[in-house]
Amino acid sequence: RFDGPPGSGLPQQRQEPIIVSTLGNVLRVLLA
């Protein structure tokens, strides 16, 4: 997850992952 949109001045670098799982599971979490 990124802190802010590009150009907002908020960090865009990748942080630690918030979920590590299968691609299908990660997509289901995002669908929620």
PDB file of all heavy atoms in Angstrom:
ATOM      1  N   ARG A   1       0.860  -1.185   0.000  1.00  0.00           N
ATOM      2  CA  ARG A   1       0.000   0.000   0.000  1.00  0.00           C
ATOM      3  C   ARG A   1       0.893   1.230   0.000  1.00  0.00           C
ATOM      4  O   ARG A   1       1.876   1.295   0.732  1.00  0.00           O
ATOM      5  CB  ARG A   1      -0.900   0.027   1.231  1.00  0.00           C
ATOM      6  CG  ARG A   1      -1.843   1.202   1.231  1.00  0.00           C
ATOM      7  CD  ARG A   1      -2.889   1.041   2.314  1.00  0.00           C
ATOM      8  NE  ARG A   1      -3.949   1.994   2.085  1.00  0.00           N
ATOM      9  CZ  ARG A   1      -4.194   3.027   2.877  1.00  0.00           C
ATOM     10  NH1 ARG A   1      -3.460   3.220   3.949  1.00  0.00           N
ATOM     11  NH2 ARG A   1      -5.174   3.844   2.598  1.00  0.00           N
ATOM     12  N   PHE A   2       0.524   2.203  -0.823  1.00  0.00           N
ATOM     13  CA  PHE A   2       1.272   3.450  -0.907  1.00  0.00           C
ATOM     14  C   PHE A   2       0.530   4.535  -0.146  1.00  0.00           C
ATOM     15  O   PHE A   2      -0.698   4.531  -0.063  1.00  0.00           O
ATOM     16  CB  PHE A   2       1.475   3.847  -2.369  1.00  0.00           C
ATOM     17  CG  PHE A   2       2.278   2.831  -3.132  1.00  0.00           C
ATOM     18  CD1 PHE A   2       1.658   1.907  -3.950  1.00  0.00           C
ATOM     19  CD2 PHE A   2       3.650   2.769  -2.986  1.00  0.00           C
ATOM     20  CE1 PHE A   2       2.392   0.948  -4.633  1.00  0.00           C
ATOM     21  CE2 PHE A   2       4.398   1.817  -3.658  1.00  0.00           C
ATOM     22  CZ  PHE A   2       3.766   0.907  -4.488  1.00  0.00           C
ATOM     23  N   ASP A   3       1.282   5.494   0.401  1.00  0.00           N
ATOM     24  CA  ASP A   3       0.709   6.523   1.260  1.00  0.00           C
ATOM     25  C   ASP A   3      -0.102   7.569   0.513  1.00  0.00           C
ATOM     26  O   ASP A   3      -1.093   8.057   1.011  1.00  0.00           O
ATOM     27  CB  ASP A   3       1.816   7.226   2.053  1.00  0.00           C
ATOM     28  CG  ASP A   3       2.507   6.268   3.006  1.00  0.00           C
ATOM     29  OD1 ASP A   3       1.835   5.373   3.533  1.00  0.00           O
ATOM     30  OD2 ASP A   3       3.714   6.422   3.204  1.00  0.00           O
ATOM     31  N   GLY A   4       0.320   7.940  -0.653  1.00  0.00           N
ATOM     32  CA  GLY A   4      -0.379   9.003  -1.366  1.00  0.00           C
ATOM     33  C   GLY A   4      -0.187   8.887  -2.850  1.00  0.00           C
ATOM     34  O   GLY A   4       0.681   8.166  -3.325  1.00  0.00           O
ATOM     35  N   PRO A   5      -1.017   9.598  -3.610  1.00  0.00           N
ATOM     36  CA  PRO A   5      -0.896   9.521  -5.067  1.00  0.00           C
ATOM     37  C   PRO A   5       0.402  10.152  -5.552  1.00  0.00           C
ATOM     38  O   PRO A   5       0.985  10.998  -4.872  1.00  0.00           O
ATOM     39  CB  PRO A   5      -2.110  10.320  -5.555  1.00  0.00           C
ATOM     40  CG  PRO A   5      -2.435  11.242  -4.440  1.00  0.00           C
ATOM     41  CD  PRO A   5      -2.044  10.538  -3.174  1.00  0.00           C
ATOM     42  N   PRO A   6       0.856   9.746  -6.721  1.00  0.00           N
ATOM     43  CA  PRO A   6       2.057  10.356  -7.284  1.00  0.00           C
ATOM     44  C   PRO A   6       1.899  11.874  -7.350  1.00  0.00           C
ATOM     45  O   PRO A   6       0.837  12.388  -7.663  1.00  0.00           O
ATOM     46  CB  PRO A   6       2.145   9.751  -8.686  1.00  0.00           C
ATOM     47  CG  PRO A   6       1.374   8.479  -8.594  1.00  0.00           C
ATOM     48  CD  PRO A   6       0.279   8.736  -7.602  1.00  0.00           C
ATOM     49  N   GLY A   7       2.949  12.585  -7.000  1.00  0.00           N
ATOM     50  CA  GLY A   7       2.922  14.044  -7.029  1.00  0.00           C
ATOM     51  C   GLY A   7       2.353  14.676  -5.775  1.00  0.00           C
ATOM     52  O   GLY A   7       2.309  15.896  -5.654  1.00  0.00           O
ATOM     53  N   SER A   8       1.930  13.865  -4.803  1.00  0.00           N
ATOM     54  CA  SER A   8       1.326  14.415  -3.588  1.00  0.00           C
ATOM     55  C   SER A   8       2.362  14.821  -2.553  1.00  0.00           C
ATOM     56  O   SER A   8       2.026  15.476  -1.573  1.00  0.00           O
ATOM     57  CB  SER A   8       0.384  13.383  -2.960  1.00  0.00           C
ATOM     58  OG  SER A   8       1.118  12.295  -2.435  1.00  0.00           O
ATOM     59  N   GLY A   9       3.595  14.404  -2.746  1.00  0.00           N
ATOM     60  CA  GLY A   9       4.627  14.682  -1.762  1.00  0.00           C
ATOM     61  C   GLY A   9       4.710  13.612  -0.679  1.00  0.00           C
ATOM     62  O   GLY A   9       5.615  13.618   0.132  1.00  0.00           O
ATOM     63  N   LEU A  10       3.751  12.690  -0.666  1.00  0.00           N
ATOM     64  CA  LEU A  10       3.772  11.609   0.308  1.00  0.00           C
ATOM     65  C   LEU A  10       4.635  10.469  -0.232  1.00  0.00           C
ATOM     66  O   LEU A  10       4.784  10.321  -1.441  1.00  0.00           O
ATOM     67  CB  LEU A  10       2.353  11.111   0.582  1.00  0.00           C
ATOM     68  CG  LEU A  10       1.445  12.139   1.253  1.00  0.00           C
ATOM     69  CD1 LEU A  10       0.007  11.623   1.288  1.00  0.00           C
ATOM     70  CD2 LEU A  10       1.927  12.455   2.652  1.00  0.00           C
ATOM     71  N   PRO A  11       5.214   9.668   0.652  1.00  0.00           N
ATOM     72  CA  PRO A  11       6.126   8.612   0.208  1.00  0.00           C
ATOM     73  C   PRO A  11       5.480   7.647  -0.777  1.00  0.00           C
ATOM     74  O   PRO A  11       4.350   7.227  -0.597  1.00  0.00           O
ATOM     75  CB  PRO A  11       6.483   7.879   1.495  1.00  0.00           C
ATOM     76  CG  PRO A  11       6.164   8.813   2.593  1.00  0.00           C
ATOM     77  CD  PRO A  11       5.047   9.682   2.101  1.00  0.00           C
ATOM     78  N   GLN A  12       6.203   7.312  -1.837  1.00  0.00           N
ATOM     79  CA  GLN A  12       5.739   6.343  -2.825  1.00  0.00           C
ATOM     80  C   GLN A  12       6.579   5.073  -2.786  1.00  0.00           C
ATOM     81  O   GLN A  12       6.297   4.150  -3.517  1.00  0.00           O
ATOM     82  CB  GLN A  12       5.792   6.954  -4.233  1.00  0.00           C
ATOM     83  CG  GLN A  12       4.766   8.021  -4.455  1.00  0.00           C
ATOM     84  CD  GLN A  12       3.355   7.478  -4.325  1.00  0.00           C
ATOM     85  OE1 GLN A  12       2.968   6.552  -4.990  1.00  0.00           O
ATOM     86  NE2 GLN A  12       2.595   8.063  -3.426  1.00  0.00           N
ATOM     87  N   GLN A  13       7.603   5.047  -1.932  1.00  0.00           N
ATOM     88  CA  GLN A  13       8.424   3.848  -1.894  1.00  0.00           C
ATOM     89  C   GLN A  13       7.640   2.699  -1.273  1.00  0.00           C
ATOM     90  O   GLN A  13       6.725   2.902  -0.506  1.00  0.00           O
ATOM     91  CB  GLN A  13       9.737   4.074  -1.146  1.00  0.00           C
ATOM     92  CG  GLN A  13       9.592   4.279   0.344  1.00  0.00           C
ATOM     93  CD  GLN A  13       9.388   5.726   0.724  1.00  0.00           C
ATOM     94  OE1 GLN A  13       9.102   6.559  -0.103  1.00  0.00           O
ATOM     95  NE2 GLN A  13       9.514   6.027   1.992  1.00  0.00           N
ATOM     96  N   ARG A  14       8.038   1.527  -1.635  1.00  0.00           N
ATOM     97  CA  ARG A  14       7.384   0.319  -1.164  1.00  0.00           C
ATOM     98  C   ARG A  14       7.733   0.098   0.307  1.00  0.00           C
ATOM     99  O   ARG A  14       8.880   0.139   0.697  1.00  0.00           O
ATOM    100  CB  ARG A  14       7.876  -0.836  -2.014  1.00  0.00           C
ATOM    101  CG  ARG A  14       7.094  -2.084  -1.860  1.00  0.00           C
ATOM    102  CD  ARG A  14       7.718  -3.171  -2.675  1.00  0.00           C
ATOM    103  NE  ARG A  14       7.277  -3.059  -4.048  1.00  0.00           N
ATOM    104  CZ  ARG A  14       7.630  -3.911  -4.980  1.00  0.00           C
ATOM    105  NH1 ARG A  14       8.470  -4.889  -4.718  1.00  0.00           N
ATOM    106  NH2 ARG A  14       7.184  -3.779  -6.197  1.00  0.00           N
ATOM    107  N   GLN A  15       6.728  -0.125   1.109  1.00  0.00           N
ATOM    108  CA  GLN A  15       6.904  -0.454   2.524  1.00  0.00           C
ATOM    109  C   GLN A  15       6.932  -1.979   2.650  1.00  0.00           C
ATOM    110  O   GLN A  15       6.966  -2.688   1.653  1.00  0.00           O
ATOM    111  CB  GLN A  15       5.752   0.141   3.334  1.00  0.00           C
ATOM    112  CG  GLN A  15       5.528   1.627   3.132  1.00  0.00           C
ATOM    113  CD  GLN A  15       6.674   2.483   3.623  1.00  0.00           C
ATOM    114  OE1 GLN A  15       7.289   2.162   4.637  1.00  0.00           O
ATOM    115  NE2 GLN A  15       6.972   3.551   2.928  1.00  0.00           N
ATOM    116  N   GLU A  16       6.869  -2.475   3.858  1.00  0.00           N
ATOM    117  CA  GLU A  16       6.742  -3.917   4.061  1.00  0.00           C
ATOM    118  C   GLU A  16       5.388  -4.360   3.500  1.00  0.00           C
ATOM    119  O   GLU A  16       4.414  -3.608   3.568  1.00  0.00           O
ATOM    120  CB  GLU A  16       6.815  -4.258   5.552  1.00  0.00           C
ATOM    121  CG  GLU A  16       8.190  -4.058   6.154  1.00  0.00           C
ATOM    122  CD  GLU A  16       9.201  -5.017   5.548  1.00  0.00           C
ATOM    123  OE1 GLU A  16       8.910  -6.217   5.413  1.00  0.00           O
ATOM    124  OE2 GLU A  16      10.305  -4.555   5.204  1.00  0.00           O
ATOM    125  N   PRO A  17       5.293  -5.574   2.951  1.00  0.00           N
ATOM    126  CA  PRO A  17       4.002  -6.018   2.424  1.00  0.00           C
ATOM    127  C   PRO A  17       2.973  -6.133   3.551  1.00  0.00           C
ATOM    128  O   PRO A  17       3.315  -6.496   4.677  1.00  0.00           O
ATOM    129  CB  PRO A  17       4.304  -7.385   1.815  1.00  0.00           C
ATOM    130  CG  PRO A  17       5.594  -7.820   2.400  1.00  0.00           C
ATOM    131  CD  PRO A  17       6.336  -6.583   2.802  1.00  0.00           C
ATOM    132  N   ILE A  18       1.733  -5.816   3.226  1.00  0.00           N
ATOM    133  CA  ILE A  18       0.678  -5.923   4.236  1.00  0.00           C
ATOM    134  C   ILE A  18       0.027  -7.304   4.200  1.00  0.00           C
ATOM    135  O   ILE A  18      -0.589  -7.707   5.172  1.00  0.00           O
ATOM    136  CB  ILE A  18      -0.374  -4.809   4.105  1.00  0.00           C
ATOM    137  CG1 ILE A  18      -0.988  -4.772   2.717  1.00  0.00           C
ATOM    138  CG2 ILE A  18       0.244  -3.472   4.449  1.00  0.00           C
ATOM    139  CD1 ILE A  18      -2.112  -3.758   2.558  1.00  0.00           C
ATOM    140  N   ILE A  19       0.177  -8.014   3.088  1.00  0.00           N
ATOM    141  CA  ILE A  19      -0.313  -9.387   2.969  1.00  0.00           C
ATOM    142  C   ILE A  19       0.681 -10.159   2.096  1.00  0.00           C
ATOM    143  O   ILE A  19       1.120  -9.652   1.077  1.00  0.00           O
ATOM    144  CB  ILE A  19      -1.699  -9.451   2.304  1.00  0.00           C
ATOM    145  CG1 ILE A  19      -2.746  -8.749   3.146  1.00  0.00           C
ATOM    146  CG2 ILE A  19      -2.125 -10.895   2.055  1.00  0.00           C
ATOM    147  CD1 ILE A  19      -4.075  -8.597   2.441  1.00  0.00           C
ATOM    148  N   VAL A  20       0.982 -11.368   2.512  1.00  0.00           N
ATOM    149  CA  VAL A  20       1.759 -12.295   1.686  1.00  0.00           C
ATOM    150  C   VAL A  20       0.917 -13.561   1.595  1.00  0.00           C
ATOM    151  O   VAL A  20       0.627 -14.191   2.613  1.00  0.00           O
ATOM    152  CB  VAL A  20       3.141 -12.601   2.307  1.00  0.00           C
ATOM    153  CG1 VAL A  20       3.886 -13.620   1.465  1.00  0.00           C
ATOM    154  CG2 VAL A  20       3.952 -11.328   2.478  1.00  0.00           C
ATOM    155  N   SER A  21       0.484 -13.887   0.406  1.00  0.00           N
ATOM    156  CA  SER A  21      -0.390 -15.040   0.203  1.00  0.00           C
ATOM    157  C   SER A  21      -0.355 -15.405  -1.278  1.00  0.00           C
ATOM    158  O   SER A  21       0.562 -15.009  -1.991  1.00  0.00           O
ATOM    159  CB  SER A  21      -1.818 -14.701   0.656  1.00  0.00           C
ATOM    160  OG  SER A  21      -2.630 -15.860   0.658  1.00  0.00           O
ATOM    161  N   THR A  22      -1.367 -16.112  -1.741  1.00  0.00           N
ATOM    162  CA  THR A  22      -1.462 -16.409  -3.168  1.00  0.00           C
ATOM    163  C   THR A  22      -2.052 -15.199  -3.882  1.00  0.00           C
ATOM    164  O   THR A  22      -2.716 -14.343  -3.266  1.00  0.00           O
ATOM    165  CB  THR A  22      -2.364 -17.623  -3.436  1.00  0.00           C
ATOM    166  OG1 THR A  22      -3.699 -17.300  -3.035  1.00  0.00           O
ATOM    167  CG2 THR A  22      -1.867 -18.860  -2.705  1.00  0.00           C
ATOM    168  N   LEU A  23      -1.848 -15.132  -5.182  1.00  0.00           N
ATOM    169  CA  LEU A  23      -2.400 -14.033  -5.968  1.00  0.00           C
ATOM    170  C   LEU A  23      -3.922 -13.991  -5.837  1.00  0.00           C
ATOM    171  O   LEU A  23      -4.516 -12.921  -5.668  1.00  0.00           O
ATOM    172  CB  LEU A  23      -1.984 -14.175  -7.434  1.00  0.00           C
ATOM    173  CG  LEU A  23      -2.513 -13.115  -8.394  1.00  0.00           C
ATOM    174  CD1 LEU A  23      -2.097 -11.715  -7.953  1.00  0.00           C
ATOM    175  CD2 LEU A  23      -2.037 -13.398  -9.811  1.00  0.00           C
ATOM    176  N   GLY A  24      -4.568 -15.144  -5.897  1.00  0.00           N
ATOM    177  CA  GLY A  24      -6.023 -15.185  -5.757  1.00  0.00           C
ATOM    178  C   GLY A  24      -6.495 -14.612  -4.426  1.00  0.00           C
ATOM    179  O   GLY A  24      -7.450 -13.834  -4.372  1.00  0.00           O
ATOM    180  N   ASN A  25      -5.828 -14.978  -3.325  1.00  0.00           N
ATOM    181  CA  ASN A  25      -6.206 -14.457  -2.005  1.00  0.00           C
ATOM    182  C   ASN A  25      -5.988 -12.959  -1.910  1.00  0.00           C
ATOM    183  O   ASN A  25      -6.824 -12.228  -1.361  1.00  0.00           O
ATOM    184  CB  ASN A  25      -5.421 -15.163  -0.901  1.00  0.00           C
ATOM    185  CG  ASN A  25      -5.925 -16.556  -0.616  1.00  0.00           C
ATOM    186  OD1 ASN A  25      -7.004 -16.955  -1.036  1.00  0.00           O
ATOM    187  ND2 ASN A  25      -5.122 -17.324   0.084  1.00  0.00           N
ATOM    188  N   VAL A  26      -4.867 -12.482  -2.434  1.00  0.00           N
ATOM    189  CA  VAL A  26      -4.577 -11.044  -2.383  1.00  0.00           C
ATOM    190  C   VAL A  26      -5.641 -10.263  -3.153  1.00  0.00           C
ATOM    191  O   VAL A  26      -6.139  -9.234  -2.686  1.00  0.00           O
ATOM    192  CB  VAL A  26      -3.156 -10.757  -2.925  1.00  0.00           C
ATOM    193  CG1 VAL A  26      -2.939  -9.283  -3.159  1.00  0.00           C
ATOM    194  CG2 VAL A  26      -2.109 -11.312  -1.962  1.00  0.00           C
ATOM    195  N   LEU A  27      -6.039 -10.766  -4.326  1.00  0.00           N
ATOM    196  CA  LEU A  27      -7.072 -10.084  -5.101  1.00  0.00           C
ATOM    197  C   LEU A  27      -8.408 -10.086  -4.366  1.00  0.00           C
ATOM    198  O   LEU A  27      -9.132  -9.081  -4.376  1.00  0.00           O
ATOM    199  CB  LEU A  27      -7.205 -10.728  -6.475  1.00  0.00           C
ATOM    200  CG  LEU A  27      -6.019 -10.500  -7.406  1.00  0.00           C
ATOM    201  CD1 LEU A  27      -6.153 -11.355  -8.657  1.00  0.00           C
ATOM    202  CD2 LEU A  27      -5.882  -9.030  -7.772  1.00  0.00           C
ATOM    203  N   ARG A  28      -8.749 -11.166  -3.704  1.00  0.00           N
ATOM    204  CA  ARG A  28     -10.001 -11.223  -2.936  1.00  0.00           C
ATOM    205  C   ARG A  28      -9.990 -10.206  -1.802  1.00  0.00           C
ATOM    206  O   ARG A  28     -11.004  -9.578  -1.515  1.00  0.00           O
ATOM    207  CB  ARG A  28     -10.244 -12.626  -2.387  1.00  0.00           C
ATOM    208  CG  ARG A  28     -10.776 -13.574  -3.407  1.00  0.00           C
ATOM    209  CD  ARG A  28     -12.190 -13.208  -3.775  1.00  0.00           C
ATOM    210  NE  ARG A  28     -12.618 -14.001  -4.913  1.00  0.00           N
ATOM    211  CZ  ARG A  28     -13.735 -13.778  -5.582  1.00  0.00           C
ATOM    212  NH1 ARG A  28     -14.518 -12.782  -5.239  1.00  0.00           N
ATOM    213  NH2 ARG A  28     -14.053 -14.524  -6.596  1.00  0.00           N
ATOM    214  N   VAL A  29      -8.856 -10.041  -1.150  1.00  0.00           N
ATOM    215  CA  VAL A  29      -8.759  -9.025  -0.090  1.00  0.00           C
ATOM    216  C   VAL A  29      -8.996  -7.640  -0.682  1.00  0.00           C
ATOM    217  O   VAL A  29      -9.739  -6.828  -0.127  1.00  0.00           O
ATOM    218  CB  VAL A  29      -7.387  -9.108   0.621  1.00  0.00           C
ATOM    219  CG1 VAL A  29      -7.144  -7.896   1.499  1.00  0.00           C
ATOM    220  CG2 VAL A  29      -7.301 -10.385   1.436  1.00  0.00           C
ATOM    221  N   LEU A  30      -8.387  -7.361  -1.826  1.00  0.00           N
ATOM    222  CA  LEU A  30      -8.580  -6.048  -2.462  1.00  0.00           C
ATOM    223  C   LEU A  30     -10.016  -5.836  -2.908  1.00  0.00           C
ATOM    224  O   LEU A  30     -10.525  -4.716  -2.853  1.00  0.00           O
ATOM    225  CB  LEU A  30      -7.642  -5.888  -3.654  1.00  0.00           C
ATOM    226  CG  LEU A  30      -6.233  -5.452  -3.303  1.00  0.00           C
ATOM    227  CD1 LEU A  30      -5.379  -5.378  -4.555  1.00  0.00           C
ATOM    228  CD2 LEU A  30      -6.240  -4.117  -2.599  1.00  0.00           C
ATOM    229  N   LEU A  31     -10.691  -6.892  -3.349  1.00  0.00           N
ATOM    230  CA  LEU A  31     -12.089  -6.757  -3.754  1.00  0.00           C
ATOM    231  C   LEU A  31     -12.984  -6.323  -2.595  1.00  0.00           C
ATOM    232  O   LEU A  31     -14.051  -5.757  -2.816  1.00  0.00           O
ATOM    233  CB  LEU A  31     -12.600  -8.066  -4.358  1.00  0.00           C
ATOM    234  CG  LEU A  31     -12.131  -8.350  -5.778  1.00  0.00           C
ATOM    235  CD1 LEU A  31     -12.497  -9.770  -6.189  1.00  0.00           C
ATOM    236  CD2 LEU A  31     -12.721  -7.335  -6.754  1.00  0.00           C
ATOM    237  N   ALA A  32     -12.524  -6.556  -1.375  1.00  0.00           N
ATOM    238  CA  ALA A  32     -13.297  -6.150  -0.197  1.00  0.00           C
ATOM    239  C   ALA A  32     -13.067  -4.680   0.156  1.00  0.00           C
ATOM    240  O   ALA A  32     -13.711  -4.156   1.060  1.00  0.00           O
ATOM    241  CB  ALA A  32     -12.935  -7.035   0.993  1.00  0.00           C
TER     242      ALA A  32
END
